[in-house]
Protein backbone atom coordinates (compact mmCIF):
# COMPACT_ATOMS: atom_id res chain seq x y z
CA MET A 1 108.30 122.18 83.48
CA ALA A 2 105.56 121.14 85.84
CA SER A 3 107.35 118.02 87.03
CA ARG A 4 110.34 120.08 88.11
CA ALA A 5 108.06 122.61 89.80
CA ASN A 6 106.22 119.86 91.66
CA HIS A 7 109.50 118.39 92.85
CA GLY A 8 110.44 121.89 94.08
CA VAL A 9 107.20 121.98 96.10
CA LEU A 10 108.03 118.70 97.77
CA LEU A 11 111.59 119.73 98.46
CA GLY A 12 110.21 122.79 100.22
CA PHE A 13 108.04 120.45 102.32
CA ALA A 14 111.09 118.35 103.17
CA LEU A 15 113.12 121.37 104.24
CA LEU A 16 110.22 122.71 106.30
CA CYS A 17 109.75 119.44 108.15
CA ALA A 18 113.44 119.06 108.64
CA ALA A 19 113.65 122.47 110.31
CA ALA A 20 110.67 121.66 112.51
CA SER A 21 112.30 118.43 113.52
CA LEU A 22 115.51 120.13 114.57
CA CYS A 23 113.47 122.34 116.86
CA SER A 24 111.62 119.43 118.42
CA ASP A 25 114.41 116.92 118.74
CA ALA A 26 112.63 114.70 116.25
CA THR A 27 114.52 112.43 113.82
CA PHE A 28 112.59 113.34 110.63
CA VAL A 29 115.77 114.47 108.84
CA GLY A 30 117.57 111.14 109.17
CA ALA A 31 114.46 109.24 108.11
CA ALA A 32 113.84 111.37 105.06
CA GLU A 33 117.39 111.02 103.78
CA SER A 34 117.07 107.27 103.07
CA GLN A 35 113.76 105.51 103.22
CA PRO A 36 115.14 101.95 103.43
CA GLN A 37 117.07 102.90 106.62
CA ALA A 38 114.07 104.54 108.19
CA ARG A 39 112.89 101.42 109.96
CA THR A 40 113.52 102.72 113.45
CA VAL A 41 112.21 106.26 112.82
CA VAL A 42 109.34 105.71 110.46
CA SER A 43 106.88 106.51 113.27
CA ASN A 44 108.13 110.12 113.21
CA PHE A 45 106.42 110.62 109.85
CA PRO A 46 102.73 111.52 109.83
CA ILE A 47 100.59 108.36 109.58
CA ALA A 48 97.55 107.95 107.33
CA THR A 49 95.26 105.30 108.69
CA ASP A 50 92.14 105.39 106.44
CA ALA A 51 90.58 107.14 103.47
CA ARG A 52 87.15 107.29 101.89
CA LEU A 53 85.10 108.88 99.10
CA ALA A 54 81.60 110.20 99.27
CA GLY A 55 79.26 111.97 96.87
CA ASP A 56 78.12 111.66 93.25
CA GLU A 57 79.06 112.74 89.74
CA LYS A 58 78.19 116.40 90.59
CA SER A 59 80.28 116.77 93.77
CA THR A 60 82.62 114.35 95.51
CA ARG A 61 84.47 114.52 98.84
CA PHE A 62 87.73 112.72 99.76
CA VAL A 63 88.74 112.34 103.41
CA LEU A 64 92.14 111.11 104.59
CA ASP A 65 92.49 110.19 108.31
CA LEU A 66 95.80 111.21 109.87
CA ASP A 67 97.48 111.04 113.27
CA ARG A 68 98.39 114.76 113.05
CA THR A 69 97.73 117.80 110.84
CA ILE A 70 99.98 118.37 107.81
CA PRO A 71 100.55 121.09 105.25
CA PHE A 72 99.58 120.23 101.68
CA SER A 73 99.18 121.64 98.19
CA ALA A 74 96.40 120.57 95.77
CA PHE A 75 96.08 121.33 92.06
CA ALA A 76 94.42 119.98 88.90
CA LEU A 77 95.96 118.63 85.72
CA ALA A 78 94.48 118.06 82.26
CA ASP A 79 94.71 115.40 79.57
CA PRO A 80 94.04 113.14 81.36
CA TYR A 81 91.95 114.86 84.04
CA ARG A 82 93.59 114.48 87.42
CA VAL A 83 93.87 116.14 90.80
CA VAL A 84 97.14 115.96 92.66
CA VAL A 85 97.73 116.49 96.38
CA ASP A 86 101.36 116.93 97.54
CA THR A 87 102.28 116.52 101.24
CA PRO A 88 105.33 116.05 103.38
CA GLN A 89 106.34 112.38 103.59
CA VAL A 90 103.50 110.31 104.97
CA ASN A 91 103.57 106.74 106.27
CA PHE A 92 100.50 105.29 104.47
CA GLN A 93 98.98 102.51 106.58
CA LEU A 94 95.84 102.17 104.51
CA PRO A 95 93.83 98.99 103.82
CA ALA A 96 95.10 96.91 100.93
CA GLY A 97 93.51 97.73 97.62
CA LEU A 98 92.16 101.09 98.77
CA GLY A 99 91.84 103.47 95.83
CA SER A 100 91.30 100.90 93.10
CA ALA A 101 87.60 101.60 93.09
CA GLY A 102 86.31 105.11 92.77
CA ARG A 103 83.09 107.02 93.37
CA GLY A 104 81.43 110.04 91.89
CA LEU A 105 83.97 112.24 90.10
CA VAL A 106 86.90 109.95 91.08
CA LYS A 107 87.65 106.86 88.98
CA ALA A 108 90.49 105.72 91.22
CA PHE A 109 93.26 107.19 93.30
CA ARG A 110 96.81 106.16 94.36
CA TYR A 111 99.35 107.35 96.82
CA GLY A 112 103.00 106.96 97.71
CA LEU A 113 106.47 108.51 98.01
CA VAL A 114 107.35 110.82 95.16
CA MET A 115 110.73 111.92 96.55
CA PRO A 116 112.53 111.61 99.93
CA GLY A 117 110.56 113.90 102.23
CA GLY A 118 107.53 114.14 99.98
CA SER A 119 104.44 112.10 99.29
CA ARG A 120 101.72 112.46 96.66
CA LEU A 121 98.12 111.40 96.11
CA VAL A 122 96.83 111.34 92.52
CA PHE A 123 93.14 111.16 91.65
CA ASP A 124 92.03 110.04 88.22
CA LEU A 125 88.86 111.92 87.39
CA THR A 126 85.81 110.86 85.29
CA GLY A 127 85.87 114.30 83.62
CA PRO A 128 86.69 117.96 84.22
CA ALA A 129 86.30 119.02 87.86
CA ARG A 130 87.58 121.82 90.02
CA ILE A 131 88.85 121.80 93.59
CA ALA A 132 85.90 123.54 95.33
CA ASN A 133 87.57 123.33 98.74
CA SER A 134 90.54 121.71 100.45
CA TYR A 135 91.49 121.88 104.09
CA VAL A 136 92.81 120.04 107.18
CA LEU A 137 90.65 119.52 110.24
CA GLU A 138 91.97 119.28 113.73
CA ALA A 139 91.06 116.26 115.84
CA ALA A 140 87.62 116.78 117.45
CA ASN A 141 84.70 114.82 118.82
CA GLY A 142 86.54 111.54 118.76
CA GLN A 143 87.61 111.99 115.12
CA PRO A 144 91.27 112.08 114.09
CA PRO A 145 92.87 114.96 112.14
CA ARG A 146 91.63 114.81 108.53
CA LEU A 147 92.68 116.13 105.19
CA VAL A 148 89.55 116.95 103.13
CA LEU A 149 89.31 117.53 99.39
CA GLU A 150 86.04 118.61 97.81
CA LEU A 151 85.60 118.34 94.07
CA GLU A 152 82.89 119.91 91.90
CA GLN A 153 81.96 119.04 88.32
CA VAL A 154 82.59 121.81 85.74
CA ASP A 155 82.67 121.99 81.95
CA ARG A 156 85.81 121.80 79.89
CA THR A 157 86.06 125.53 79.35
CA THR A 158 85.79 126.36 83.01
CA PHE A 159 88.36 123.64 83.82
CA VAL A 160 90.92 124.96 81.29
CA GLN A 161 90.42 128.51 82.49
CA SER A 162 91.18 127.37 86.02
CA LEU A 163 94.62 126.15 84.82
CA ALA A 164 95.61 129.56 83.44
CA PRO A 165 98.89 130.83 85.00
CA ALA A 166 97.17 133.70 86.80
CA SER A 167 94.69 131.43 88.56
CA ARG A 168 96.74 128.30 89.20
CA PRO A 169 96.98 127.34 92.87
CA ASP A 170 100.10 128.40 94.72
CA LEU A 171 102.42 125.42 94.73
CA LYS A 172 104.21 126.46 97.92
CA PRO A 173 103.72 124.65 101.21
CA ALA A 174 100.36 125.51 102.79
CA VAL A 175 101.72 127.22 105.89
CA ASP A 176 101.30 130.73 107.20
CA ALA A 177 104.95 131.58 107.55
CA ALA A 178 108.33 130.09 106.73
CA PRO A 179 110.40 128.77 109.60
CA ALA A 180 113.09 131.00 111.03
CA ALA A 181 116.33 130.84 109.06
CA MET A 182 118.97 128.60 110.55
CA PRO A 183 122.35 130.26 111.36
CA VAL A 184 124.80 129.90 108.49
CA THR A 185 128.15 128.36 109.30
CA PRO A 186 131.14 129.84 107.44
CA ALA A 187 132.21 127.57 104.67
CA ALA A 188 135.33 125.55 105.25
CA PRO A 189 138.28 126.17 102.95
CA PRO A 190 137.85 124.19 99.75
CA LYS A 191 139.65 120.86 99.63
CA PRO A 192 141.91 119.95 96.75
CA ALA A 193 139.96 118.57 93.80
CA ALA A 194 139.89 114.80 93.63
CA PRO A 195 141.30 113.19 90.48
CA ALA A 196 138.72 112.88 87.72
CA ASP A 197 137.03 109.49 87.50
CA LEU A 198 137.41 108.39 83.86
CA ARG A 199 135.65 105.07 84.18
CA PRO A 200 132.64 104.50 81.95
CA VAL A 201 129.35 105.45 83.66
CA ILE A 202 126.53 102.95 83.67
CA VAL A 203 123.04 104.15 84.60
CA ILE A 204 120.65 101.48 85.93
CA ASP A 205 117.03 102.51 85.84
CA PRO A 206 114.60 100.44 87.97
CA GLY A 207 111.17 101.21 86.43
CA HIS A 208 108.17 102.76 88.23
CA GLY A 209 108.41 103.54 92.01
CA GLY A 210 106.55 105.44 94.64
CA LEU A 211 102.85 105.71 93.84
CA ASP A 212 103.44 103.95 90.48
CA ASN A 213 103.49 100.22 91.33
CA GLY A 214 103.83 98.98 87.77
CA THR A 215 102.40 95.52 87.14
CA GLN A 216 101.22 93.49 90.10
CA ALA A 217 100.39 89.81 90.70
CA SER A 218 100.13 87.48 93.74
CA GLY A 219 101.04 90.24 96.12
CA GLU A 220 104.20 91.17 94.24
CA SER A 221 104.78 94.59 92.66
CA GLU A 222 106.92 95.30 89.64
CA LYS A 223 108.46 98.34 91.28
CA ASN A 224 109.87 96.22 94.12
CA ILE A 225 111.05 93.35 91.93
CA VAL A 226 113.00 95.61 89.54
CA LEU A 227 114.50 97.69 92.34
CA GLY A 228 115.91 94.59 94.00
CA PHE A 229 117.31 93.40 90.64
CA GLY A 230 118.81 96.83 89.88
CA LEU A 231 120.55 97.02 93.25
CA ALA A 232 121.99 93.53 92.74
CA LEU A 233 123.26 94.44 89.25
CA ARG A 234 124.81 97.65 90.58
CA ASP A 235 126.64 95.69 93.32
CA ARG A 236 127.89 93.15 90.80
CA LEU A 237 129.21 95.81 88.41
CA GLU A 238 130.82 97.88 91.15
CA LYS A 239 132.79 94.82 92.40
CA SER A 240 134.76 94.81 89.17
CA GLY A 241 135.98 98.39 89.78
CA LYS A 242 135.80 99.01 86.03
CA TYR A 243 132.70 101.26 86.04
CA ARG A 244 131.07 103.97 87.90
CA VAL A 245 127.50 102.82 88.42
CA VAL A 246 124.64 105.14 89.33
CA MET A 247 120.91 104.47 89.65
CA THR A 248 117.93 106.64 88.83
CA ARG A 249 116.37 105.47 92.10
CA THR A 250 117.55 103.44 95.05
CA ASP A 251 114.29 103.44 97.03
CA ASP A 252 110.58 103.51 96.55
CA THR A 253 110.48 106.93 94.86
CA PHE A 254 108.61 108.04 91.78
CA ILE A 255 110.81 109.54 89.00
CA PRO A 256 109.30 111.12 85.86
CA LEU A 257 110.36 109.52 82.57
CA ASP A 258 112.13 112.59 81.16
CA ASP A 259 113.97 113.09 84.43
CA ARG A 260 115.40 109.57 84.11
CA VAL A 261 116.72 110.40 80.63
CA ARG A 262 118.04 113.80 81.78
CA PHE A 263 119.78 112.17 84.75
CA ALA A 264 121.59 109.73 82.46
CA ARG A 265 122.73 112.52 80.11
CA ASN A 266 123.91 114.69 83.01
CA GLN A 267 126.02 111.74 84.11
CA SER A 268 127.53 111.45 80.60
CA ALA A 269 126.53 107.77 80.71
CA ALA A 270 128.13 105.24 78.42
CA LEU A 271 125.11 102.92 78.81
CA PHE A 272 121.55 103.19 80.08
CA VAL A 273 119.73 100.04 81.25
CA SER A 274 116.02 100.32 82.21
CA ILE A 275 114.68 97.33 84.12
CA HIS A 276 111.03 96.25 84.10
CA ALA A 277 108.70 93.25 84.38
CA ASP A 278 105.74 92.77 82.04
CA ALA A 279 102.22 91.39 82.42
CA LEU A 280 99.55 90.44 79.92
CA PRO A 281 96.11 91.89 80.57
CA ARG A 282 93.69 89.31 81.92
CA GLY A 283 91.95 87.37 79.17
CA GLU A 284 94.69 88.00 76.61
CA GLY A 285 96.35 84.60 77.03
CA ASP A 286 99.76 83.82 78.55
CA ALA A 287 103.36 84.79 77.75
CA GLN A 288 106.68 84.06 79.35
CA GLY A 289 110.34 84.92 79.21
CA ALA A 290 112.56 87.98 79.10
CA THR A 291 112.47 90.50 76.33
CA ILE A 292 115.01 93.20 75.40
CA TYR A 293 113.67 96.40 73.80
CA THR A 294 115.41 99.13 71.88
CA LEU A 295 114.05 102.46 70.53
CA SER A 296 112.30 102.74 67.22
CA ASP A 297 109.78 105.14 65.76
CA LYS A 298 107.63 102.18 64.64
CA ALA A 299 106.91 99.28 67.00
CA SER A 300 108.22 95.87 65.94
CA ASP A 301 104.86 94.23 66.66
CA ALA A 302 101.55 94.86 68.37
CA GLU A 303 102.79 93.62 71.78
CA ALA A 304 105.75 95.96 71.74
CA GLU A 305 103.40 98.84 70.83
CA ARG A 306 101.06 97.92 73.74
CA LEU A 307 103.98 97.77 76.21
CA ALA A 308 105.41 101.09 75.07
CA GLU A 309 102.02 102.75 75.47
CA THR A 310 101.73 101.31 78.97
CA GLU A 311 105.21 102.29 80.09
CA ASN A 312 104.84 105.75 78.57
CA LYS A 313 101.81 106.37 80.83
CA ALA A 314 104.00 106.34 83.96
CA ASP A 315 104.06 110.17 84.16
CA ALA A 316 100.26 110.35 84.07
CA ILE A 317 100.17 107.81 86.94
CA GLY A 318 102.65 109.88 88.91
CA GLY A 319 100.79 113.17 88.49
CA VAL A 320 103.13 114.88 86.04
CA ASN A 321 101.75 117.71 83.86
CA LEU A 322 101.84 116.16 80.41
CA THR A 323 100.65 119.20 78.58
CA GLN A 324 104.07 120.82 78.90
CA GLU A 325 106.06 117.71 77.85
CA PRO A 326 107.48 117.65 74.34
CA THR A 327 105.46 115.58 71.90
CA ASP A 328 107.28 116.00 68.66
CA VAL A 329 110.48 113.89 68.70
CA ALA A 330 110.91 113.56 64.95
CA ASP A 331 114.01 115.76 65.07
CA ILE A 332 115.60 113.36 67.54
CA LEU A 333 114.58 110.24 65.66
CA ILE A 334 116.20 111.42 62.39
CA ASP A 335 119.28 112.92 64.01
CA LEU A 336 122.51 111.35 62.88
CA ALA A 337 123.80 111.04 66.41
CA GLN A 338 120.56 109.27 67.36
CA ARG A 339 121.01 106.82 64.46
CA GLU A 340 124.51 105.98 65.57
CA THR A 341 123.29 105.54 69.14
CA ARG A 342 120.59 103.18 67.92
CA THR A 343 123.23 101.03 66.18
CA PHE A 344 125.10 100.67 69.46
CA SER A 345 121.89 99.99 71.37
CA ASN A 346 120.95 97.20 68.99
CA ARG A 347 124.44 95.74 69.29
CA PHE A 348 124.23 95.74 73.03
CA ALA A 349 120.75 94.18 72.89
CA ARG A 350 122.10 91.27 70.84
CA LEU A 351 125.01 90.75 73.22
CA LEU A 352 122.62 90.79 76.15
CA MET A 353 120.29 88.21 74.53
CA THR A 354 123.26 85.94 73.87
CA GLU A 355 124.41 86.00 77.48
CA MET A 356 121.00 85.95 79.12
CA LYS A 357 119.65 82.94 77.19
CA GLY A 358 122.12 80.78 79.04
CA THR A 359 120.68 81.68 82.47
CA ALA A 360 117.19 83.02 81.97
CA ARG A 361 114.13 81.92 80.04
CA MET A 362 113.71 84.21 77.08
CA HIS A 363 110.58 85.25 75.20
CA LYS A 364 109.99 83.47 71.86
CA HIS A 365 110.77 86.85 70.23
CA PRO A 366 113.42 88.22 72.65
CA LEU A 367 114.48 91.33 70.61
CA LYS A 368 111.89 93.96 70.01
CA SER A 369 111.58 97.75 69.55
CA ALA A 370 109.11 100.53 70.15
CA GLY A 371 108.86 104.19 70.97
CA PHE A 372 109.73 104.09 74.67
CA ARG A 373 110.21 107.63 76.07
CA VAL A 374 112.75 106.43 78.56
CA LEU A 375 115.07 105.22 75.74
CA LYS A 376 115.17 108.59 73.85
CA ALA A 377 118.50 109.92 74.93
CA PRO A 378 120.09 110.81 71.57
CA ASP A 379 123.64 110.09 72.65
CA ILE A 380 123.46 107.14 75.05
CA PRO A 381 123.07 103.51 74.03
CA SER A 382 119.89 102.47 75.85
CA VAL A 383 117.83 99.29 76.31
CA LEU A 384 114.76 98.41 78.27
CA ILE A 385 114.69 94.86 79.67
CA GLU A 386 111.49 93.13 80.63
CA LEU A 387 112.82 90.40 82.97
CA GLY A 388 109.69 88.28 82.57
CA TYR A 389 105.91 88.28 83.03
CA VAL A 390 104.53 88.64 86.55
CA SER A 391 101.30 87.32 85.07
CA ASN A 392 103.05 83.96 84.39
CA LYS A 393 103.42 81.71 87.43
CA GLY A 394 106.76 80.27 86.31
CA ASP A 395 108.24 83.68 85.54
CA LEU A 396 107.04 85.16 88.81
CA GLU A 397 108.72 82.36 90.73
CA HIS A 398 111.99 83.27 88.98
CA LEU A 399 111.56 86.98 89.50
CA VAL A 400 111.37 86.60 93.29
CA SER A 401 114.14 83.98 93.46
CA GLU A 402 117.51 85.23 94.69
CA SER A 403 119.37 82.46 92.95
CA TRP A 404 117.73 83.27 89.60
CA ARG A 405 118.45 86.93 90.13
CA SER A 406 122.09 86.23 90.91
CA ARG A 407 122.55 84.14 87.75
CA THR A 408 120.75 86.61 85.52
CA VAL A 409 122.69 89.57 86.99
CA GLY A 410 125.88 87.72 86.22
CA SER A 411 124.93 87.14 82.58
CA MET A 412 123.99 90.80 82.16
CA ALA A 413 127.32 91.89 83.73
CA LEU A 414 129.15 89.74 81.15
CA ALA A 415 127.24 91.35 78.30
CA ILE A 416 128.07 94.82 79.64
CA ASP A 417 131.79 93.88 79.93
CA THR A 418 131.84 92.72 76.31
CA PHE A 419 129.93 95.73 74.98
CA LEU A 420 131.94 98.43 76.73
CA ALA A 421 135.25 96.71 75.88
CA LYS A 422 134.27 96.95 72.24
CA ARG A 423 133.14 100.58 72.59
CA LEU A 424 136.41 101.58 74.27
CA ALA A 425 138.47 99.73 71.64
CA ILE A 426 136.59 101.53 68.85
CA ALA A 427 136.89 104.93 70.58
CA GLY A 428 140.57 104.54 71.21
CA PRO A 429 142.67 105.80 74.16
CA GLY A 430 141.53 108.91 75.98
CA ASN A 431 137.85 108.52 74.99
């Protein structure tokens, strides 16, 4: 799968930069391990200070100004047409709003952290184009180091041929040689295995992240709002000691949709809770309140269908190769295990609505369903919660309020307690 391959590329970058840091007494490794704790060492990452587009619909050049040269990998993706540039982790200090307007072959571009140690730029194209040239320039004549990407318009056939396995770009770090291998320390004797943790596992999934901001309004991004909420919910649940709580992301990192589902299944989760915040497109009126979504093969209404389409585009925003993702999920949707899971998901959604309506403003139709990809684990009860509308002034004030968050987290924790108590009672001892 391309998303896994791309993550492998970035991991290679992270390891390369870590080895280089060890040799130069830098602190890159510590910074890459946990972005929120990188406040004192963020300057050790390469810094991008400006970017610009030039050209027309036949050929377009992108230039990124840096404080040092960096390795990179560039490749194209189809349906939709995109170009992706993967780099080691970069501290983007670019002007606000840069990338929202395009030029020539580029409709728009975005950038951000895609995994600890790796950053990504994704260019949405107006049509098929090939990477005619890509390189990094050393500082010269008063100009800083620059990463340059040159795009050239081609027809669909030429573009598809360029994506053939034999002619795809090498997705390894763009360096001449690998760093010298570090000496291997003999492994310590294995420690006695710890007792198995039999507590139910809850997976909290803050939506979006990294170069995928989600909805935005008044300077607030959905990805930051839902991450703060998810961390608060995790802390509240962990205090009880009844559950093992894990999160799909704990920092500003992009995670593909299928990887979120796979992560939950690998954890043998008893419950999957995806957290989001909605927004109505400008000119389509106003809406307010929290909504709880479950999976269905047919959307409950037009708004649910719109939201599912928007959320399901997250992988395209993050530069994931969609052509290799499964598209036929009919076998999952009619599977008996999936049907049973949906029953549990709907039951939890009703419990959640009952508890949340005492602390949070709810949408006039608080229970909805649609074909959200992130809810398609066949064996894990799953819900997607839209906490409110960032496009609504009152909702946005709540979403950034710590007191509102604390109350709402408390009501969700009560619903989870009730739901899992019933599940354990039905399953019986030892399950």
